[in-house]
Amino acid sequence: MYNKNNLAKLKKMDSLAPEVMKAFWAFDKAAVAEGAIPVKYKELIAVAVACTTQCPYCIDIHAGNARKAGANDAELVEAAMVAASLRAGGAVTHATHALSD
């Protein structure tokens, strides 16, 4: 289902819902802009979240942005492993719902 060419359809979405997409792009840009958290760390967070949401487009885009901001492969893998541990932790804690009182 992942086809990088689909990203070209974002322009069509921009034209079909211009105000909403304009707001989305502004929010998207602001979320990863330099601030209290450096861009490199924000992009590593984005990679970790993208691994959790399993969005290959986001993984690709934010891994590239993280590299541009100075991240290396070890940092990208560690970010992904943090996401994996939290996802596993969620499964473990949810398992408590299966137990009787």
N, C-alpha and C. Protein backbone atom coordinates (compact mmCIF):
# COMPACT_ATOMS: atom_id res chain seq x y z
N MET A 1 0.81 -1.18 0.00
CA MET A 1 0.00 0.00 0.00
C MET A 1 0.87 1.26 0.00
N TYR A 2 2.08 1.17 0.53
CA TYR A 2 2.97 2.33 0.54
C TYR A 2 3.50 2.58 -0.85
N ASN A 3 3.21 3.75 -1.35
CA ASN A 3 3.69 4.16 -2.66
C ASN A 3 4.03 5.65 -2.55
N LYS A 4 5.31 5.94 -2.55
CA LYS A 4 5.76 7.33 -2.35
C LYS A 4 5.12 8.27 -3.37
N ASN A 5 4.73 7.77 -4.53
CA ASN A 5 4.08 8.60 -5.54
C ASN A 5 2.74 9.16 -5.05
N ASN A 6 2.14 8.49 -4.06
CA ASN A 6 0.87 8.98 -3.51
C ASN A 6 1.02 10.36 -2.89
N LEU A 7 2.21 10.68 -2.45
CA LEU A 7 2.43 11.99 -1.82
C LEU A 7 2.15 13.14 -2.79
N ALA A 8 2.25 12.87 -4.08
CA ALA A 8 1.93 13.90 -5.08
C ALA A 8 0.45 14.30 -5.00
N LYS A 9 -0.38 13.41 -4.47
CA LYS A 9 -1.81 13.70 -4.34
C LYS A 9 -2.11 14.72 -3.24
N LEU A 10 -1.11 15.04 -2.43
CA LEU A 10 -1.32 16.06 -1.40
C LEU A 10 -1.70 17.39 -2.02
N LYS A 11 -1.15 17.69 -3.19
CA LYS A 11 -1.50 18.94 -3.88
C LYS A 11 -3.00 18.96 -4.22
N LYS A 12 -3.52 17.81 -4.61
CA LYS A 12 -4.95 17.72 -4.91
C LYS A 12 -5.76 17.96 -3.63
N MET A 13 -5.30 17.38 -2.54
CA MET A 13 -5.98 17.60 -1.27
C MET A 13 -5.94 19.08 -0.88
N ASP A 14 -4.80 19.73 -1.15
CA ASP A 14 -4.68 21.17 -0.89
C ASP A 14 -5.76 21.95 -1.63
N SER A 15 -6.04 21.55 -2.86
CA SER A 15 -7.04 22.27 -3.65
C SER A 15 -8.46 21.91 -3.27
N LEU A 16 -8.67 20.70 -2.77
CA LEU A 16 -10.02 20.26 -2.41
C LEU A 16 -10.47 20.75 -1.03
N ALA A 17 -9.53 20.96 -0.15
CA ALA A 17 -9.84 21.46 1.20
C ALA A 17 -8.78 22.49 1.58
N PRO A 18 -8.75 23.62 0.87
CA PRO A 18 -7.64 24.56 1.03
C PRO A 18 -7.45 25.12 2.44
N GLU A 19 -8.51 25.49 3.11
CA GLU A 19 -8.36 26.10 4.44
C GLU A 19 -7.88 25.07 5.46
N VAL A 20 -8.45 23.89 5.41
CA VAL A 20 -8.06 22.85 6.36
C VAL A 20 -6.62 22.42 6.11
N MET A 21 -6.27 22.23 4.85
CA MET A 21 -4.90 21.80 4.53
C MET A 21 -3.90 22.91 4.85
N LYS A 22 -4.27 24.17 4.63
CA LYS A 22 -3.40 25.28 4.98
C LYS A 22 -3.12 25.26 6.49
N ALA A 23 -4.16 25.03 7.26
CA ALA A 23 -4.01 24.96 8.72
C ALA A 23 -3.15 23.75 9.11
N PHE A 24 -3.37 22.61 8.43
CA PHE A 24 -2.57 21.42 8.72
C PHE A 24 -1.09 21.69 8.45
N TRP A 25 -0.77 22.26 7.29
CA TRP A 25 0.63 22.49 6.93
C TRP A 25 1.29 23.46 7.90
N ALA A 26 0.55 24.47 8.33
CA ALA A 26 1.10 25.43 9.29
C ALA A 26 1.37 24.74 10.63
N PHE A 27 0.44 23.90 11.08
CA PHE A 27 0.61 23.17 12.33
C PHE A 27 1.77 22.18 12.21
N ASP A 28 1.83 21.48 11.10
CA ASP A 28 2.89 20.50 10.86
C ASP A 28 4.26 21.17 10.92
N LYS A 29 4.38 22.32 10.29
CA LYS A 29 5.64 23.06 10.27
C LYS A 29 6.00 23.57 11.66
N ALA A 30 5.03 24.12 12.37
CA ALA A 30 5.27 24.66 13.70
C ALA A 30 5.66 23.57 14.69
N ALA A 31 5.07 22.40 14.55
CA ALA A 31 5.32 21.31 15.50
C ALA A 31 6.77 20.86 15.52
N VAL A 32 7.44 20.93 14.38
CA VAL A 32 8.83 20.46 14.31
C VAL A 32 9.84 21.60 14.19
N ALA A 33 9.37 22.82 14.38
CA ALA A 33 10.27 23.98 14.32
C ALA A 33 11.15 24.04 15.57
N GLU A 34 12.27 24.71 15.45
CA GLU A 34 13.17 24.92 16.58
C GLU A 34 12.39 25.58 17.70
N GLY A 35 12.61 25.13 18.91
CA GLY A 35 11.94 25.69 20.08
C GLY A 35 12.68 25.23 21.32
N ALA A 36 11.95 24.98 22.39
CA ALA A 36 12.56 24.48 23.62
C ALA A 36 13.24 23.13 23.36
N ILE A 37 12.67 22.38 22.43
CA ILE A 37 13.26 21.10 22.01
C ILE A 37 13.91 21.33 20.64
N PRO A 38 15.18 20.98 20.48
CA PRO A 38 15.84 21.16 19.19
C PRO A 38 15.18 20.33 18.07
N VAL A 39 15.30 20.80 16.85
CA VAL A 39 14.71 20.13 15.69
C VAL A 39 15.12 18.66 15.61
N LYS A 40 16.38 18.38 15.84
CA LYS A 40 16.86 17.00 15.76
C LYS A 40 16.05 16.09 16.68
N TYR A 41 15.82 16.54 17.90
CA TYR A 41 15.07 15.72 18.85
C TYR A 41 13.60 15.61 18.46
N LYS A 42 13.05 16.71 17.96
CA LYS A 42 11.65 16.67 17.51
C LYS A 42 11.49 15.67 16.37
N GLU A 43 12.44 15.66 15.44
CA GLU A 43 12.35 14.71 14.33
C GLU A 43 12.54 13.27 14.80
N LEU A 44 13.40 13.06 15.80
CA LEU A 44 13.54 11.71 16.38
C LEU A 44 12.26 11.29 17.08
N ILE A 45 11.61 12.22 17.76
CA ILE A 45 10.30 11.93 18.36
C ILE A 45 9.31 11.56 17.26
N ALA A 46 9.33 12.32 16.17
CA ALA A 46 8.42 12.04 15.05
C ALA A 46 8.66 10.66 14.47
N VAL A 47 9.92 10.26 14.36
CA VAL A 47 10.23 8.91 13.87
C VAL A 47 9.66 7.87 14.82
N ALA A 48 9.85 8.07 16.12
CA ALA A 48 9.33 7.11 17.10
C ALA A 48 7.82 7.01 17.02
N VAL A 49 7.15 8.14 16.94
CA VAL A 49 5.68 8.13 16.84
C VAL A 49 5.25 7.47 15.55
N ALA A 50 5.95 7.77 14.46
CA ALA A 50 5.61 7.16 13.17
C ALA A 50 5.79 5.65 13.20
N CYS A 51 6.79 5.18 13.94
CA CYS A 51 6.94 3.72 14.09
C CYS A 51 5.75 3.15 14.83
N THR A 52 5.26 3.87 15.82
CA THR A 52 4.11 3.40 16.61
C THR A 52 2.83 3.45 15.78
N THR A 53 2.64 4.52 15.02
CA THR A 53 1.44 4.63 14.18
C THR A 53 1.57 3.82 12.89
N GLN A 54 2.78 3.34 12.65
CA GLN A 54 3.10 2.50 11.49
C GLN A 54 2.80 3.20 10.17
N CYS A 55 3.25 4.47 10.09
CA CYS A 55 3.08 5.24 8.86
C CYS A 55 4.40 5.27 8.10
N PRO A 56 4.53 4.50 7.02
CA PRO A 56 5.79 4.47 6.29
C PRO A 56 6.16 5.82 5.68
N TYR A 57 5.15 6.61 5.31
CA TYR A 57 5.42 7.93 4.75
C TYR A 57 6.10 8.80 5.81
N CYS A 58 5.55 8.79 7.02
CA CYS A 58 6.10 9.60 8.11
C CYS A 58 7.48 9.11 8.53
N ILE A 59 7.66 7.80 8.57
CA ILE A 59 8.97 7.26 8.91
C ILE A 59 10.00 7.75 7.91
N ASP A 60 9.69 7.65 6.64
CA ASP A 60 10.61 8.07 5.58
C ASP A 60 10.91 9.57 5.66
N ILE A 61 9.88 10.37 5.76
CA ILE A 61 10.05 11.82 5.76
C ILE A 61 10.80 12.28 7.01
N HIS A 62 10.38 11.81 8.18
CA HIS A 62 10.98 12.30 9.42
C HIS A 62 12.37 11.71 9.67
N ALA A 63 12.62 10.50 9.19
CA ALA A 63 13.99 9.96 9.29
C ALA A 63 14.93 10.82 8.44
N GLY A 64 14.49 11.20 7.25
CA GLY A 64 15.30 12.08 6.41
C GLY A 64 15.51 13.44 7.05
N ASN A 65 14.45 13.99 7.64
CA ASN A 65 14.57 15.28 8.33
C ASN A 65 15.48 15.18 9.55
N ALA A 66 15.39 14.06 10.26
CA ALA A 66 16.26 13.86 11.43
C ALA A 66 17.72 13.81 10.99
N ARG A 67 17.98 13.10 9.90
CA ARG A 67 19.36 13.04 9.38
C ARG A 67 19.86 14.43 9.00
N LYS A 68 19.00 15.21 8.33
CA LYS A 68 19.37 16.58 7.95
C LYS A 68 19.68 17.43 9.18
N ALA A 69 19.01 17.12 10.30
CA ALA A 69 19.22 17.87 11.53
C ALA A 69 20.38 17.30 12.35
N GLY A 70 21.07 16.28 11.80
CA GLY A 70 22.26 15.75 12.46
C GLY A 70 22.13 14.40 13.12
N ALA A 71 20.98 13.77 13.04
CA ALA A 71 20.81 12.45 13.66
C ALA A 71 21.54 11.39 12.84
N ASN A 72 22.00 10.37 13.53
CA ASN A 72 22.66 9.26 12.85
C ASN A 72 21.82 7.99 12.99
N ASP A 73 22.26 6.91 12.36
CA ASP A 73 21.49 5.67 12.37
C ASP A 73 21.28 5.13 13.78
N ALA A 74 22.30 5.25 14.63
CA ALA A 74 22.17 4.76 16.01
C ALA A 74 21.05 5.50 16.74
N GLU A 75 20.98 6.82 16.54
CA GLU A 75 19.92 7.60 17.19
C GLU A 75 18.55 7.24 16.65
N LEU A 76 18.47 7.02 15.34
CA LEU A 76 17.19 6.62 14.75
C LEU A 76 16.73 5.27 15.28
N VAL A 77 17.65 4.33 15.40
CA VAL A 77 17.30 3.01 15.93
C VAL A 77 16.88 3.11 17.39
N GLU A 78 17.60 3.91 18.18
CA GLU A 78 17.23 4.06 19.59
C GLU A 78 15.85 4.69 19.72
N ALA A 79 15.54 5.68 18.90
CA ALA A 79 14.21 6.29 18.92
C ALA A 79 13.15 5.24 18.59
N ALA A 80 13.42 4.42 17.59
CA ALA A 80 12.47 3.37 17.22
C ALA A 80 12.31 2.35 18.34
N MET A 81 13.39 2.04 19.03
CA MET A 81 13.32 1.07 20.12
C MET A 81 12.57 1.63 21.32
N VAL A 82 12.66 2.93 21.57
CA VAL A 82 11.85 3.55 22.62
C VAL A 82 10.38 3.37 22.27
N ALA A 83 10.04 3.64 21.01
CA ALA A 83 8.65 3.46 20.58
C ALA A 83 8.22 2.01 20.74
N ALA A 84 9.10 1.08 20.37
CA ALA A 84 8.76 -0.34 20.49
C ALA A 84 8.54 -0.73 21.94
N SER A 85 9.36 -0.20 22.84
CA SER A 85 9.21 -0.57 24.25
C SER A 85 7.91 -0.02 24.83
N LEU A 86 7.54 1.20 24.41
CA LEU A 86 6.29 1.77 24.89
C LEU A 86 5.09 1.02 24.33
N ARG A 87 5.20 0.61 23.09
CA ARG A 87 4.10 -0.16 22.49
C ARG A 87 3.96 -1.51 23.20
N ALA A 88 5.10 -2.14 23.48
CA ALA A 88 5.08 -3.41 24.20
C ALA A 88 4.56 -3.20 25.62
N GLY A 89 4.99 -2.11 26.25
CA GLY A 89 4.52 -1.80 27.59
C GLY A 89 3.01 -1.61 27.64
N GLY A 90 2.47 -1.00 26.60
CA GLY A 90 1.02 -0.83 26.52
C GLY A 90 0.32 -2.18 26.46
N ALA A 91 0.89 -3.10 25.71
CA ALA A 91 0.29 -4.44 25.63
C ALA A 91 0.37 -5.14 26.98
N VAL A 92 1.49 -4.99 27.66
CA VAL A 92 1.66 -5.62 28.98
C VAL A 92 0.65 -5.06 29.97
N THR A 93 0.54 -3.73 30.05
CA THR A 93 -0.38 -3.16 31.02
C THR A 93 -1.84 -3.42 30.65
N HIS A 94 -2.14 -3.49 29.37
CA HIS A 94 -3.50 -3.84 28.96
C HIS A 94 -3.84 -5.28 29.33
N ALA A 95 -2.82 -6.12 29.41
CA ALA A 95 -3.07 -7.51 29.80
C ALA A 95 -3.64 -7.62 31.20
N THR A 96 -3.42 -6.60 32.02
CA THR A 96 -3.99 -6.64 33.38
C THR A 96 -5.51 -6.66 33.34
N HIS A 97 -6.11 -6.16 32.27
CA HIS A 97 -7.56 -6.17 32.13
C HIS A 97 -8.10 -7.58 31.92
N ALA A 98 -7.24 -8.47 31.48
CA ALA A 98 -7.66 -9.86 31.25
C ALA A 98 -7.66 -10.68 32.52
N LEU A 99 -7.06 -10.17 33.59
CA LEU A 99 -6.96 -10.93 34.83
C LEU A 99 -8.18 -10.71 35.70
N SER A 100 -8.53 -11.74 36.44
CA SER A 100 -9.64 -11.61 37.38
C SER A 100 -9.16 -10.92 38.64
N ASP A 101 -10.09 -10.28 39.32
CA ASP A 101 -9.74 -9.56 40.57
C ASP A 101 -9.45 -10.46 41.70
